[in-house]
Protein backbone atom coordinates (compact mmCIF):
# COMPACT_ATOMS: atom_id res chain seq x y z
CA GLU A 1 66.69 71.85 73.29
CA ALA A 2 66.82 75.65 73.49
CA ILE A 3 67.20 75.83 69.77
CA ARG A 4 64.50 73.28 69.12
CA ASP A 5 62.12 75.17 71.53
CA GLY A 6 62.85 78.39 69.77
CA ASN A 7 64.52 80.01 72.87
CA ALA A 8 68.09 79.94 71.72
CA TYR A 9 68.20 83.63 70.59
CA LYS A 10 66.48 84.94 73.86
CA ASP A 11 68.84 82.80 75.99
CA ALA A 12 71.86 83.96 74.21
CA LYS A 13 71.09 87.52 74.68
CA LYS A 14 70.68 86.89 78.44
CA PHE A 15 73.96 84.95 78.71
CA THR A 16 75.75 87.57 76.76
CA ALA A 17 74.45 90.36 79.05
CA MET A 18 75.44 88.25 82.14
CA LEU A 19 79.00 87.74 80.71
CA ALA A 20 79.30 91.33 79.91
CA ARG A 21 78.28 92.29 83.40
CA GLY A 22 80.73 89.88 84.88
CA ALA A 23 83.59 91.28 82.87
CA ALA A 24 82.79 94.85 83.92
CA THR A 25 82.54 93.80 87.57
CA THR A 26 85.91 91.94 87.29
CA LYS A 27 87.58 95.23 86.03
CA GLU A 28 86.26 97.09 88.84
CA ILE A 29 87.32 94.42 91.48
CA VAL A 30 90.91 94.29 90.00
CA ALA A 31 91.16 98.07 89.99
CA ALA A 32 89.86 98.44 93.56
CA SER A 33 92.13 95.80 94.90
CA VAL A 34 95.11 98.13 94.49
CA LEU A 35 93.54 100.39 97.14
CA ASN A 36 91.99 97.32 99.20
CA PHE A 37 95.51 95.86 99.67
CA ALA A 38 97.34 99.25 99.74
CA GLY A 39 98.27 98.62 103.44
CA THR A 40 98.55 94.84 103.37
CA SER A 41 102.11 93.40 103.96
CA GLY A 42 103.50 91.57 100.91
CA TYR A 43 101.37 93.46 98.20
CA THR A 44 104.08 95.17 96.29
CA MET A 45 104.54 96.02 92.54
CA ASP A 46 107.01 94.11 90.46
CA GLY A 47 109.93 96.41 89.61
CA GLY A 48 108.71 98.85 92.18
CA ASP A 49 110.38 100.23 95.36
CA GLY A 50 109.76 96.98 97.31
CA VAL A 51 107.15 98.25 99.70
CA ILE A 52 103.49 98.33 99.87
CA LEU A 53 101.45 101.16 98.17
CA ALA A 54 100.45 102.88 101.59
CA SER A 55 103.67 103.21 103.43
CA ALA A 56 105.59 105.69 105.44
CA SER A 57 108.87 104.03 104.24
CA HIS A 58 109.07 104.45 100.59
CA PRO A 59 112.84 104.50 99.80
CA THR A 60 114.16 107.35 97.65
CA ARG A 61 117.62 109.06 96.99
CA PHE A 62 116.34 111.72 99.35
CA GLY A 63 115.52 109.25 102.06
CA LEU A 64 112.23 107.59 103.22
CA GLN A 65 108.99 109.25 102.12
CA SER A 66 105.42 108.71 103.05
CA ASN A 67 102.08 108.74 101.18
CA ILE A 68 99.82 107.93 104.29
CA LEU A 69 98.20 110.62 106.38
CA SER A 70 100.29 111.25 109.44
CA GLY A 71 98.19 109.89 112.26
CA GLY A 72 95.62 108.49 109.88
CA THR A 73 92.14 109.52 110.83
CA ASP A 74 88.53 109.34 109.70
CA LEU A 75 87.31 111.49 106.81
CA SER A 76 86.86 115.07 108.03
CA GLU A 77 87.39 118.64 107.09
CA ALA A 78 90.50 118.86 109.31
CA ALA A 79 91.92 115.64 107.91
CA ILE A 80 91.49 116.74 104.31
CA GLU A 81 93.32 120.11 105.15
CA ALA A 82 96.10 118.25 106.81
CA LEU A 83 96.51 115.90 103.79
CA GLN A 84 96.49 118.98 101.43
CA ALA A 85 99.53 120.36 103.38
CA GLN A 86 101.28 116.93 103.22
CA ILE A 87 100.65 116.54 99.40
CA GLU A 88 101.79 120.11 98.59
CA ASN A 89 104.94 119.65 100.53
CA ALA A 90 105.80 116.49 98.64
CA VAL A 91 109.26 116.14 97.04
CA ASP A 92 110.74 114.10 94.28
CA ASN A 93 113.36 111.34 94.70
CA ARG A 94 116.02 114.08 94.80
CA GLY A 95 114.31 116.20 97.38
CA ASN A 96 112.90 118.83 95.01
CA LYS A 97 109.44 120.37 95.50
CA ILE A 98 107.15 118.98 92.81
CA LYS A 99 104.02 121.11 93.36
CA LEU A 100 101.53 118.27 93.91
CA MET A 101 97.84 119.08 93.94
CA MET A 102 94.79 117.01 95.13
CA ASP A 103 92.66 115.65 92.50
CA LYS A 104 89.94 112.97 93.27
CA LEU A 105 88.61 111.75 96.56
CA ILE A 106 87.86 108.00 96.46
CA ILE A 107 85.66 106.51 99.04
CA ASN A 108 83.29 103.70 99.98
CA PRO A 109 79.61 104.46 99.70
CA ALA A 110 79.45 104.58 103.54
CA LEU A 111 81.26 107.89 103.45
CA ARG A 112 79.13 109.44 100.86
CA ALA A 113 77.11 111.64 103.20
CA ASP A 114 80.19 112.86 105.17
CA ALA A 115 81.94 113.75 101.85
CA TYR A 116 78.93 115.64 100.57
CA ARG A 117 78.59 117.62 103.79
CA ILE A 118 82.31 118.44 103.75
CA LEU A 119 82.70 119.49 100.20
CA HIS A 120 79.32 121.29 99.52
CA SER A 121 78.54 123.11 102.78
CA ASP A 122 78.82 126.92 102.29
CA LEU A 123 80.45 127.36 105.69
CA ARG A 124 82.54 125.14 107.96
CA VAL A 125 80.95 121.75 108.71
CA GLY A 126 79.58 120.94 112.28
CA THR A 127 80.62 124.12 113.82
CA THR A 128 78.80 127.24 115.00
CA ASP A 129 81.59 129.53 113.62
CA ASN A 130 80.74 131.64 110.61
CA ASP A 131 83.85 130.65 108.78
CA ALA A 132 83.96 129.91 105.10
CA ASN A 133 84.35 126.35 103.81
CA TYR A 134 88.08 126.46 102.80
CA ILE A 135 87.85 123.10 100.97
CA LYS A 136 84.99 123.97 98.78
CA ASP A 137 85.95 127.59 98.21
CA ASN A 138 89.42 126.50 96.93
CA GLY A 139 88.19 123.62 94.90
CA LEU A 140 90.67 121.28 96.52
CA ILE A 141 88.82 118.04 95.50
CA LYS A 142 88.05 118.00 91.82
CA GLU A 143 85.92 114.90 91.94
CA VAL A 144 84.49 112.49 94.36
CA ILE A 145 84.46 108.72 93.19
CA ILE A 146 82.15 106.48 95.09
CA ASN A 147 83.41 102.92 94.86
CA PRO A 148 81.35 100.07 96.33
CA TYR A 149 84.21 97.73 95.61
CA LEU A 150 86.33 99.19 98.27
CA SER A 151 86.27 96.79 101.19
CA SER A 152 86.91 99.34 103.94
CA THR A 153 84.07 101.63 105.01
CA THR A 154 86.58 104.06 106.69
CA GLN A 155 89.64 104.10 104.51
CA TRP A 156 89.64 107.14 102.19
CA GLN A 157 92.29 108.26 99.62
CA VAL A 158 92.99 111.32 97.47
CA THR A 159 94.71 111.02 94.12
CA THR A 160 97.13 113.66 92.97
CA ASN A 161 98.21 115.20 89.55
CA VAL A 162 101.52 113.34 89.55
CA ASP A 163 102.53 112.19 86.06
CA ASP A 164 102.60 108.49 86.70
CA GLY A 165 100.43 107.27 89.72
CA LEU A 166 97.84 104.65 89.86
CA LYS A 167 97.59 102.57 86.75
CA PHE A 168 94.89 100.43 84.94
CA LYS A 169 95.82 98.75 81.75
CA LEU A 170 93.20 97.04 79.43
CA ARG A 171 95.73 94.75 77.58
CA GLN A 172 92.78 92.97 75.65
CA GLU A 173 89.13 94.02 75.28
CA ALA A 174 86.63 91.55 76.51
CA GLU A 175 85.96 88.93 73.74
CA MET A 176 82.84 86.62 73.81
CA ASP A 177 82.69 83.12 72.29
CA ASP A 178 80.23 80.28 72.23
CA ASP A 179 80.22 76.74 71.21
CA ASN A 180 78.35 73.55 71.80
CA GLU A 181 79.63 70.59 73.73
CA PHE A 182 79.38 67.64 71.44
CA SER A 183 78.79 64.80 74.13
CA THR A 184 76.15 66.63 76.17
CA LYS A 185 74.70 69.19 73.52
CA ASN A 186 75.23 71.92 76.18
CA GLY A 187 75.71 75.42 74.98
CA LEU A 188 78.97 76.95 76.18
CA HIS A 189 79.49 80.80 76.46
CA SER A 190 82.71 82.52 77.66
CA VAL A 191 84.42 85.80 77.87
CA ASP A 192 88.12 86.47 77.79
CA MET A 193 90.09 89.66 78.44
CA ARG A 194 93.51 90.76 79.84
CA ILE A 195 93.83 93.59 82.39
CA SER A 196 96.32 94.71 85.00
CA ALA A 197 96.26 97.34 87.71
CA GLY A 198 98.99 98.98 89.86
CA TRP A 199 101.01 102.04 90.37
CA SER A 200 104.13 103.52 89.02
CA ASP A 201 104.64 106.40 91.54
CA PHE A 202 103.36 106.14 95.08
CA ARG A 203 102.79 109.99 95.12
CA GLY A 204 99.78 109.24 92.88
CA VAL A 205 97.62 108.59 95.75
CA TYR A 206 97.62 109.59 99.56
CA ILE A 207 95.75 107.22 101.86
CA SER A 208 94.34 107.43 105.37
CA LEU A 209 94.03 103.91 106.64
């Protein structure tokens, strides 16, 4: 009927845009799920160390290691400074210092304002002291990623410069197809893609739950 009424091209463009938007949203949801379930029991990586991503008990040859902020707390100047010390004191599986550095701060939009004040104030945040903003002056956070697909409004995480941390693989680009159903004459539109997300080295992200 759409073809006969001359609306087929217009509708096809609309359906294609909707499918493309759905594919893009699916990528975001799958990628965010790695962090959304980081502290959830049972969500482990195939071939990994057998524990969840955010854990104080990652088994290594050197012993148990942690990638969660000790005494996890809300996003603040003090919390970022504490996490910096934890990250820079990280060791590899044999106990050797690996000189990890902070990279990106990943947060829910609810923490956008707090993050801006912490990272952009010339002086310390929320104090009457005339102290420099250590975090800003030393460029500890290279980039802030505001991700609305993160389910927690309080959890925050910092990625590091480790070689193999969080991973997102686009195994097959989104491919669109369309056809007509013979019995009903309905137009069918589909999109197909293959993606996966996870992590190789837990030191790729440090999390405050």
